[in-house]
Amino acid sequence: MCGRDSALRSFCEAHDIDVVVDEIKAWQSRPLDEVYPILYIDGIRIRVKDNGVVTTKVAYLAIGVDVDGRKHALGCWIAVRIR
């Protein structure tokens, strides 16, 4: 994630970003249950600066409730554009 940029590499080392990236990759590859009887999908519009331009994007979150009633974060993503 931190690449070859020395300033970015220094930031990553100081904040232990690589550990976080490893945790995210482990979370993304975890096994999921076969069935989630309840599924919530929600989003929030956020204003962000992208390439020097302020634009609106949507952050989505999918949450599944298993047969025992426990909630699991199944995914999160940022929409590329709003329609």
PDB file of N, CA and C in Angstrom:
ATOM      1  N   MET A   1       0.825  -1.193   0.000  1.00  0.00           N
ATOM      2  CA  MET A   1       0.000   0.000   0.000  1.00  0.00           C
ATOM      3  C   MET A   1       0.863   1.249   0.000  1.00  0.00           C
ATOM      4  N   CYS A   2       1.939   1.255   0.742  1.00  0.00           N
ATOM      5  CA  CYS A   2       2.704   2.477   0.930  1.00  0.00           C
ATOM      6  C   CYS A   2       3.648   2.773  -0.224  1.00  0.00           C
ATOM      7  N   GLY A   3       3.955   1.799  -1.055  1.00  0.00           N
ATOM      8  CA  GLY A   3       4.740   2.049  -2.253  1.00  0.00           C
ATOM      9  C   GLY A   3       6.150   2.529  -1.995  1.00  0.00           C
ATOM     10  N   ARG A   4       6.665   3.258  -2.985  1.00  0.00           N
ATOM     11  CA  ARG A   4       8.070   3.683  -2.948  1.00  0.00           C
ATOM     12  C   ARG A   4       8.265   5.116  -2.491  1.00  0.00           C
ATOM     13  N   ASP A   5       7.200   5.892  -2.413  1.00  0.00           N
ATOM     14  CA  ASP A   5       7.297   7.293  -2.002  1.00  0.00           C
ATOM     15  C   ASP A   5       7.833   7.358  -0.578  1.00  0.00           C
ATOM     16  N   SER A   6       8.960   8.051  -0.400  1.00  0.00           N
ATOM     17  CA  SER A   6       9.618   8.060   0.916  1.00  0.00           C
ATOM     18  C   SER A   6       8.766   8.724   1.993  1.00  0.00           C
ATOM     19  N   ALA A   7       8.058   9.794   1.659  1.00  0.00           N
ATOM     20  CA  ALA A   7       7.215  10.457   2.659  1.00  0.00           C
ATOM     21  C   ALA A   7       6.075   9.538   3.076  1.00  0.00           C
ATOM     22  N   LEU A   8       5.465   8.883   2.096  1.00  0.00           N
ATOM     23  CA  LEU A   8       4.371   7.967   2.398  1.00  0.00           C
ATOM     24  C   LEU A   8       4.889   6.758   3.159  1.00  0.00           C
ATOM     25  N   ARG A   9       6.047   6.243   2.801  1.00  0.00           N
ATOM     26  CA  ARG A   9       6.648   5.109   3.494  1.00  0.00           C
ATOM     27  C   ARG A   9       6.919   5.486   4.956  1.00  0.00           C
ATOM     28  N   SER A  10       7.445   6.685   5.202  1.00  0.00           N
ATOM     29  CA  SER A  10       7.710   7.131   6.574  1.00  0.00           C
ATOM     30  C   SER A  10       6.424   7.213   7.386  1.00  0.00           C
ATOM     31  N   PHE A  11       5.355   7.739   6.759  1.00  0.00           N
ATOM     32  CA  PHE A  11       4.065   7.816   7.434  1.00  0.00           C
ATOM     33  C   PHE A  11       3.575   6.419   7.791  1.00  0.00           C
ATOM     34  N   CYS A  12       3.671   5.499   6.836  1.00  0.00           N
ATOM     35  CA  CYS A  12       3.196   4.131   7.055  1.00  0.00           C
ATOM     36  C   CYS A  12       3.982   3.449   8.173  1.00  0.00           C
ATOM     37  N   GLU A  13       5.286   3.625   8.175  1.00  0.00           N
ATOM     38  CA  GLU A  13       6.107   3.011   9.216  1.00  0.00           C
ATOM     39  C   GLU A  13       5.779   3.600  10.580  1.00  0.00           C
ATOM     40  N   ALA A  14       5.571   4.908  10.630  1.00  0.00           N
ATOM     41  CA  ALA A  14       5.281   5.569  11.903  1.00  0.00           C
ATOM     42  C   ALA A  14       3.915   5.155  12.444  1.00  0.00           C
ATOM     43  N   HIS A  15       2.991   4.857  11.559  1.00  0.00           N
ATOM     44  CA  HIS A  15       1.637   4.537  11.992  1.00  0.00           C
ATOM     45  C   HIS A  15       1.296   3.053  11.842  1.00  0.00           C
ATOM     46  N   ASP A  16       2.282   2.246  11.496  1.00  0.00           N
ATOM     47  CA  ASP A  16       2.119   0.790  11.401  1.00  0.00           C
ATOM     48  C   ASP A  16       0.965   0.413  10.472  1.00  0.00           C
ATOM     49  N   ILE A  17       0.905   1.083   9.320  1.00  0.00           N
ATOM     50  CA  ILE A  17      -0.172   0.882   8.353  1.00  0.00           C
ATOM     51  C   ILE A  17      -0.157  -0.533   7.780  1.00  0.00           C
ATOM     52  N   ASP A  18       1.035  -1.100   7.570  1.00  0.00           N
ATOM     53  CA  ASP A  18       1.109  -2.438   6.977  1.00  0.00           C
ATOM     54  C   ASP A  18       0.393  -3.479   7.828  1.00  0.00           C
ATOM     55  N   VAL A  19       0.402  -3.299   9.152  1.00  0.00           N
ATOM     56  CA  VAL A  19      -0.318  -4.220  10.026  1.00  0.00           C
ATOM     57  C   VAL A  19      -1.821  -4.113   9.765  1.00  0.00           C
ATOM     58  N   VAL A  20      -2.289  -2.904   9.579  1.00  0.00           N
ATOM     59  CA  VAL A  20      -3.707  -2.684   9.302  1.00  0.00           C
ATOM     60  C   VAL A  20      -4.074  -3.299   7.952  1.00  0.00           C
ATOM     61  N   VAL A  21      -3.220  -3.119   6.953  1.00  0.00           N
ATOM     62  CA  VAL A  21      -3.479  -3.692   5.630  1.00  0.00           C
ATOM     63  C   VAL A  21      -3.560  -5.212   5.727  1.00  0.00           C
ATOM     64  N   ASP A  22      -2.680  -5.830   6.502  1.00  0.00           N
ATOM     65  CA  ASP A  22      -2.720  -7.284   6.684  1.00  0.00           C
ATOM     66  C   ASP A  22      -4.029  -7.716   7.341  1.00  0.00           C
ATOM     67  N   GLU A  23      -4.491  -6.955   8.323  1.00  0.00           N
ATOM     68  CA  GLU A  23      -5.759  -7.271   8.993  1.00  0.00           C
ATOM     69  C   GLU A  23      -6.934  -7.153   8.018  1.00  0.00           C
ATOM     70  N   ILE A  24      -6.908  -6.134   7.174  1.00  0.00           N
ATOM     71  CA  ILE A  24      -7.977  -5.937   6.194  1.00  0.00           C
ATOM     72  C   ILE A  24      -8.001  -7.092   5.203  1.00  0.00           C
ATOM     73  N   LYS A  25      -6.837  -7.506   4.725  1.00  0.00           N
ATOM     74  CA  LYS A  25      -6.775  -8.621   3.778  1.00  0.00           C
ATOM     75  C   LYS A  25      -7.286  -9.910   4.419  1.00  0.00           C
ATOM     76  N   ALA A  26      -6.965 -10.135   5.685  1.00  0.00           N
ATOM     77  CA  ALA A  26      -7.450 -11.322   6.391  1.00  0.00           C
ATOM     78  C   ALA A  26      -8.974 -11.266   6.524  1.00  0.00           C
ATOM     79  N   TRP A  27      -9.519 -10.074   6.834  1.00  0.00           N
ATOM     80  CA  TRP A  27     -10.962  -9.911   6.964  1.00  0.00           C
ATOM     81  C   TRP A  27     -11.650 -10.169   5.624  1.00  0.00           C
ATOM     82  N   GLN A  28     -11.052  -9.669   4.529  1.00  0.00           N
ATOM     83  CA  GLN A  28     -11.647  -9.836   3.209  1.00  0.00           C
ATOM     84  C   GLN A  28     -11.670 -11.297   2.760  1.00  0.00           C
ATOM     85  N   SER A  29     -10.739 -12.108   3.232  1.00  0.00           N
ATOM     86  CA  SER A  29     -10.661 -13.493   2.772  1.00  0.00           C
ATOM     87  C   SER A  29     -11.263 -14.488   3.775  1.00  0.00           C
ATOM     88  N   ARG A  30     -11.931 -13.993   4.819  1.00  0.00           N
ATOM     89  CA  ARG A  30     -12.515 -14.878   5.823  1.00  0.00           C
ATOM     90  C   ARG A  30     -13.694 -15.648   5.222  1.00  0.00           C
ATOM     91  N   PRO A  31     -13.975 -16.829   5.741  1.00  0.00           N
ATOM     92  CA  PRO A  31     -15.142 -17.573   5.239  1.00  0.00           C
ATOM     93  C   PRO A  31     -16.444 -16.936   5.748  1.00  0.00           C
ATOM     94  N   LEU A  32     -17.456 -16.956   4.900  1.00  0.00           N
ATOM     95  CA  LEU A  32     -18.768 -16.431   5.272  1.00  0.00           C
ATOM     96  C   LEU A  32     -19.739 -17.583   5.487  1.00  0.00           C
ATOM     97  N   ASP A  33     -20.788 -17.337   6.267  1.00  0.00           N
ATOM     98  CA  ASP A  33     -21.848 -18.322   6.434  1.00  0.00           C
ATOM     99  C   ASP A  33     -22.556 -18.527   5.095  1.00  0.00           C
ATOM    100  N   GLU A  34     -23.191 -19.670   4.937  1.00  0.00           N
ATOM    101  CA  GLU A  34     -23.933 -19.935   3.705  1.00  0.00           C
ATOM    102  C   GLU A  34     -25.224 -19.128   3.640  1.00  0.00           C
ATOM    103  N   VAL A  35     -25.823 -18.848   4.806  1.00  0.00           N
ATOM    104  CA  VAL A  35     -27.121 -18.171   4.839  1.00  0.00           C
ATOM    105  C   VAL A  35     -27.083 -17.040   5.858  1.00  0.00           C
ATOM    106  N   TYR A  36     -27.617 -15.893   5.457  1.00  0.00           N
ATOM    107  CA  TYR A  36     -27.887 -14.786   6.374  1.00  0.00           C
ATOM    108  C   TYR A  36     -29.362 -14.451   6.194  1.00  0.00           C
ATOM    109  N   PRO A  37     -30.225 -14.856   7.142  1.00  0.00           N
ATOM    110  CA  PRO A  37     -31.666 -14.639   6.979  1.00  0.00           C
ATOM    111  C   PRO A  37     -32.049 -13.166   6.833  1.00  0.00           C
ATOM    112  N   ILE A  38     -31.258 -12.291   7.410  1.00  0.00           N
ATOM    113  CA  ILE A  38     -31.532 -10.849   7.315  1.00  0.00           C
ATOM    114  C   ILE A  38     -30.289 -10.179   6.749  1.00  0.00           C
ATOM    115  N   LEU A  39     -30.500  -9.283   5.790  1.00  0.00           N
ATOM    116  CA  LEU A  39     -29.398  -8.551   5.174  1.00  0.00           C
ATOM    117  C   LEU A  39     -29.754  -7.076   5.134  1.00  0.00           C
ATOM    118  N   TYR A  40     -28.889  -6.250   5.712  1.00  0.00           N
ATOM    119  CA  TYR A  40     -29.063  -4.797   5.676  1.00  0.00           C
ATOM    120  C   TYR A  40     -28.006  -4.226   4.741  1.00  0.00           C
ATOM    121  N   ILE A  41     -28.423  -3.361   3.842  1.00  0.00           N
ATOM    122  CA  ILE A  41     -27.490  -2.628   2.991  1.00  0.00           C
ATOM    123  C   ILE A  41     -27.872  -1.162   3.107  1.00  0.00           C
ATOM    124  N   ASP A  42     -26.897  -0.346   3.474  1.00  0.00           N
ATOM    125  CA  ASP A  42     -27.174   1.072   3.665  1.00  0.00           C
ATOM    126  C   ASP A  42     -25.998   1.875   3.130  1.00  0.00           C
ATOM    127  N   GLY A  43     -26.245   3.136   2.878  1.00  0.00           N
ATOM    128  CA  GLY A  43     -25.198   4.009   2.377  1.00  0.00           C
ATOM    129  C   GLY A  43     -25.349   5.402   2.936  1.00  0.00           C
ATOM    130  N   ILE A  44     -24.254   6.125   2.922  1.00  0.00           N
ATOM    131  CA  ILE A  44     -24.259   7.517   3.357  1.00  0.00           C
ATOM    132  C   ILE A  44     -23.509   8.337   2.315  1.00  0.00           C
ATOM    133  N   ARG A  45     -24.104   9.464   1.942  1.00  0.00           N
ATOM    134  CA  ARG A  45     -23.441  10.362   0.987  1.00  0.00           C
ATOM    135  C   ARG A  45     -22.410  11.198   1.737  1.00  0.00           C
ATOM    136  N   ILE A  46     -21.226  11.274   1.165  1.00  0.00           N
ATOM    137  CA  ILE A  46     -20.153  12.061   1.776  1.00  0.00           C
ATOM    138  C   ILE A  46     -19.523  12.955   0.722  1.00  0.00           C
ATOM    139  N   ARG A  47     -19.109  14.124   1.145  1.00  0.00           N
ATOM    140  CA  ARG A  47     -18.406  15.056   0.251  1.00  0.00           C
ATOM    141  C   ARG A  47     -16.912  14.829   0.450  1.00  0.00           C
ATOM    142  N   VAL A  48     -16.196  14.573  -0.649  1.00  0.00           N
ATOM    143  CA  VAL A  48     -14.759  14.317  -0.589  1.00  0.00           C
ATOM    144  C   VAL A  48     -14.062  15.124  -1.668  1.00  0.00           C
ATOM    145  N   LYS A  49     -12.792  15.403  -1.430  1.00  0.00           N
ATOM    146  CA  LYS A  49     -11.981  16.052  -2.442  1.00  0.00           C
ATOM    147  C   LYS A  49     -11.265  14.962  -3.212  1.00  0.00           C
ATOM    148  N   ASP A  50     -11.510  14.889  -4.523  1.00  0.00           N
ATOM    149  CA  ASP A  50     -10.936  13.869  -5.384  1.00  0.00           C
ATOM    150  C   ASP A  50     -10.244  14.555  -6.550  1.00  0.00           C
ATOM    151  N   ASN A  51      -8.926  14.432  -6.609  1.00  0.00           N
ATOM    152  CA  ASN A  51      -8.123  15.097  -7.643  1.00  0.00           C
ATOM    153  C   ASN A  51      -8.353  16.611  -7.657  1.00  0.00           C
ATOM    154  N   GLY A  52      -8.450  17.189  -6.470  1.00  0.00           N
ATOM    155  CA  GLY A  52      -8.601  18.632  -6.340  1.00  0.00           C
ATOM    156  C   GLY A  52     -10.017  19.143  -6.528  1.00  0.00           C
ATOM    157  N   VAL A  53     -10.976  18.260  -6.761  1.00  0.00           N
ATOM    158  CA  VAL A  53     -12.365  18.659  -6.979  1.00  0.00           C
ATOM    159  C   VAL A  53     -13.231  18.037  -5.886  1.00  0.00           C
ATOM    160  N   VAL A  54     -14.075  18.868  -5.272  1.00  0.00           N
ATOM    161  CA  VAL A  54     -14.993  18.355  -4.252  1.00  0.00           C
ATOM    162  C   VAL A  54     -16.157  17.690  -4.969  1.00  0.00           C
ATOM    163  N   THR A  55     -16.427  16.461  -4.601  1.00  0.00           N
ATOM    164  CA  THR A  55     -17.485  15.682  -5.225  1.00  0.00           C
ATOM    165  C   THR A  55     -18.224  14.884  -4.158  1.00  0.00           C
ATOM    166  N   THR A  56     -19.379  14.367  -4.520  1.00  0.00           N
ATOM    167  CA  THR A  56     -20.162  13.539  -3.603  1.00  0.00           C
ATOM    168  C   THR A  56     -19.977  12.077  -3.968  1.00  0.00           C
ATOM    169  N   LYS A  57     -19.691  11.250  -2.966  1.00  0.00           N
ATOM    170  CA  LYS A  57     -19.591   9.808  -3.156  1.00  0.00           C
ATOM    171  C   LYS A  57     -20.466   9.138  -2.107  1.00  0.00           C
ATOM    172  N   VAL A  58     -20.726   7.862  -2.302  1.00  0.00           N
ATOM    173  CA  VAL A  58     -21.542   7.118  -1.345  1.00  0.00           C
ATOM    174  C   VAL A  58     -20.713   5.993  -0.751  1.00  0.00           C
ATOM    175  N   ALA A  59     -20.699   5.910   0.580  1.00  0.00           N
ATOM    176  CA  ALA A  59     -20.048   4.808   1.290  1.00  0.00           C
ATOM    177  C   ALA A  59     -21.151   3.820   1.676  1.00  0.00           C
ATOM    178  N   TYR A  60     -21.016   2.576   1.205  1.00  0.00           N
ATOM    179  CA  TYR A  60     -22.006   1.528   1.465  1.00  0.00           C
ATOM    180  C   TYR A  60     -21.483   0.545   2.490  1.00  0.00           C
ATOM    181  N   LEU A  61     -22.404  -0.044   3.259  1.00  0.00           N
ATOM    182  CA  LEU A  61     -22.074  -1.091   4.216  1.00  0.00           C
ATOM    183  C   LEU A  61     -23.143  -2.172   4.123  1.00  0.00           C
ATOM    184  N   ALA A  62     -22.701  -3.436   4.025  1.00  0.00           N
ATOM    185  CA  ALA A  62     -23.620  -4.580   4.017  1.00  0.00           C
ATOM    186  C   ALA A  62     -23.434  -5.343   5.325  1.00  0.00           C
ATOM    187  N   ILE A  63     -24.530  -5.560   6.039  1.00  0.00           N
ATOM    188  CA  ILE A  63     -24.501  -6.280   7.311  1.00  0.00           C
ATOM    189  C   ILE A  63     -25.477  -7.441   7.225  1.00  0.00           C
ATOM    190  N   GLY A  64     -24.986  -8.636   7.576  1.00  0.00           N
ATOM    191  CA  GLY A  64     -25.837  -9.818   7.587  1.00  0.00           C
ATOM    192  C   GLY A  64     -26.062 -10.283   9.016  1.00  0.00           C
ATOM    193  N   VAL A  65     -27.258 -10.768   9.282  1.00  0.00           N
ATOM    194  CA  VAL A  65     -27.590 -11.318  10.591  1.00  0.00           C
ATOM    195  C   VAL A  65     -27.670 -12.832  10.419  1.00  0.00           C
ATOM    196  N   ASP A  66     -26.861 -13.576  11.193  1.00  0.00           N
ATOM    197  CA  ASP A  66     -26.846 -15.034  11.049  1.00  0.00           C
ATOM    198  C   ASP A  66     -28.037 -15.675  11.775  1.00  0.00           C
ATOM    199  N   VAL A  67     -28.136 -16.996  11.683  1.00  0.00           N
ATOM    200  CA  VAL A  67     -29.280 -17.702  12.265  1.00  0.00           C
ATOM    201  C   VAL A  67     -29.307 -17.618  13.788  1.00  0.00           C
ATOM    202  N   ASP A  68     -28.167 -17.276  14.420  1.00  0.00           N
ATOM    203  CA  ASP A  68     -28.113 -17.105  15.870  1.00  0.00           C
ATOM    204  C   ASP A  68     -28.396 -15.666  16.296  1.00  0.00           C
ATOM    205  N   GLY A  69     -28.635 -14.771  15.325  1.00  0.00           N
ATOM    206  CA  GLY A  69     -28.944 -13.379  15.639  1.00  0.00           C
ATOM    207  C   GLY A  69     -27.738 -12.465  15.738  1.00  0.00           C
ATOM    208  N   ARG A  70     -26.540 -12.980  15.424  1.00  0.00           N
ATOM    209  CA  ARG A  70     -25.337 -12.134  15.476  1.00  0.00           C
ATOM    210  C   ARG A  70     -25.169 -11.377  14.170  1.00  0.00           C
ATOM    211  N   LYS A  71     -24.754 -10.118  14.274  1.00  0.00           N
ATOM    212  CA  LYS A  71     -24.538  -9.278  13.100  1.00  0.00           C
ATOM    213  C   LYS A  71     -23.091  -9.410  12.631  1.00  0.00           C
ATOM    214  N   HIS A  72     -22.923  -9.448  11.303  1.00  0.00           N
ATOM    215  CA  HIS A  72     -21.593  -9.544  10.697  1.00  0.00           C
ATOM    216  C   HIS A  72     -21.471  -8.486   9.605  1.00  0.00           C
ATOM    217  N   ALA A  73     -20.380  -7.736   9.621  1.00  0.00           N
ATOM    218  CA  ALA A  73     -20.107  -6.818   8.521  1.00  0.00           C
ATOM    219  C   ALA A  73     -19.641  -7.654   7.340  1.00  0.00           C
ATOM    220  N   LEU A  74     -20.419  -7.665   6.275  1.00  0.00           N
ATOM    221  CA  LEU A  74     -20.109  -8.503   5.120  1.00  0.00           C
ATOM    222  C   LEU A  74     -19.286  -7.772   4.078  1.00  0.00           C
ATOM    223  N   GLY A  75     -19.412  -6.476   4.022  1.00  0.00           N
ATOM    224  CA  GLY A  75     -18.645  -5.710   3.039  1.00  0.00           C
ATOM    225  C   GLY A  75     -18.852  -4.235   3.203  1.00  0.00           C
ATOM    226  N   CYS A  76     -17.902  -3.482   2.713  1.00  0.00           N
ATOM    227  CA  CYS A  76     -18.025  -2.021   2.674  1.00  0.00           C
ATOM    228  C   CYS A  76     -17.288  -1.527   1.427  1.00  0.00           C
ATOM    229  N   TRP A  77     -17.825  -0.508   0.812  1.00  0.00           N
ATOM    230  CA  TRP A  77     -17.211   0.001  -0.397  1.00  0.00           C
ATOM    231  C   TRP A  77     -17.670   1.432  -0.640  1.00  0.00           C
ATOM    232  N   ILE A  78     -16.910   2.116  -1.492  1.00  0.00           N
ATOM    233  CA  ILE A  78     -17.224   3.493  -1.900  1.00  0.00           C
ATOM    234  C   ILE A  78     -17.683   3.431  -3.349  1.00  0.00           C
ATOM    235  N   ALA A  79     -18.824   4.023  -3.650  1.00  0.00           N
ATOM    236  CA  ALA A  79     -19.328   4.055  -5.017  1.00  0.00           C
ATOM    237  C   ALA A  79     -18.442   4.961  -5.867  1.00  0.00           C
ATOM    238  N   VAL A  80     -18.198   4.546  -7.098  1.00  0.00           N
ATOM    239  CA  VAL A  80     -17.366   5.317  -7.990  1.00  0.00           C
ATOM    240  C   VAL A  80     -18.084   6.603  -8.394  1.00  0.00           C
ATOM    241  N   ARG A  81     -19.376   6.494  -8.686  1.00  0.00           N
ATOM    242  CA  ARG A  81     -20.160   7.691  -9.011  1.00  0.00           C
ATOM    243  C   ARG A  81     -21.604   7.521  -8.570  1.00  0.00           C
ATOM    244  N   ILE A  82     -22.256   8.632  -8.387  1.00  0.00           N
ATOM    245  CA  ILE A  82     -23.670   8.615  -7.992  1.00  0.00           C
ATOM    246  C   ILE A  82     -24.512   8.820  -9.244  1.00  0.00           C
ATOM    247  N   ARG A  83     -25.584   8.042  -9.354  1.00  0.00           N
ATOM    248  CA  ARG A  83     -26.469   8.171 -10.534  1.00  0.00           C
ATOM    249  C   ARG A  83     -27.709   8.940 -10.182  1.00  0.00           C
TER     250      ARG A  83
END
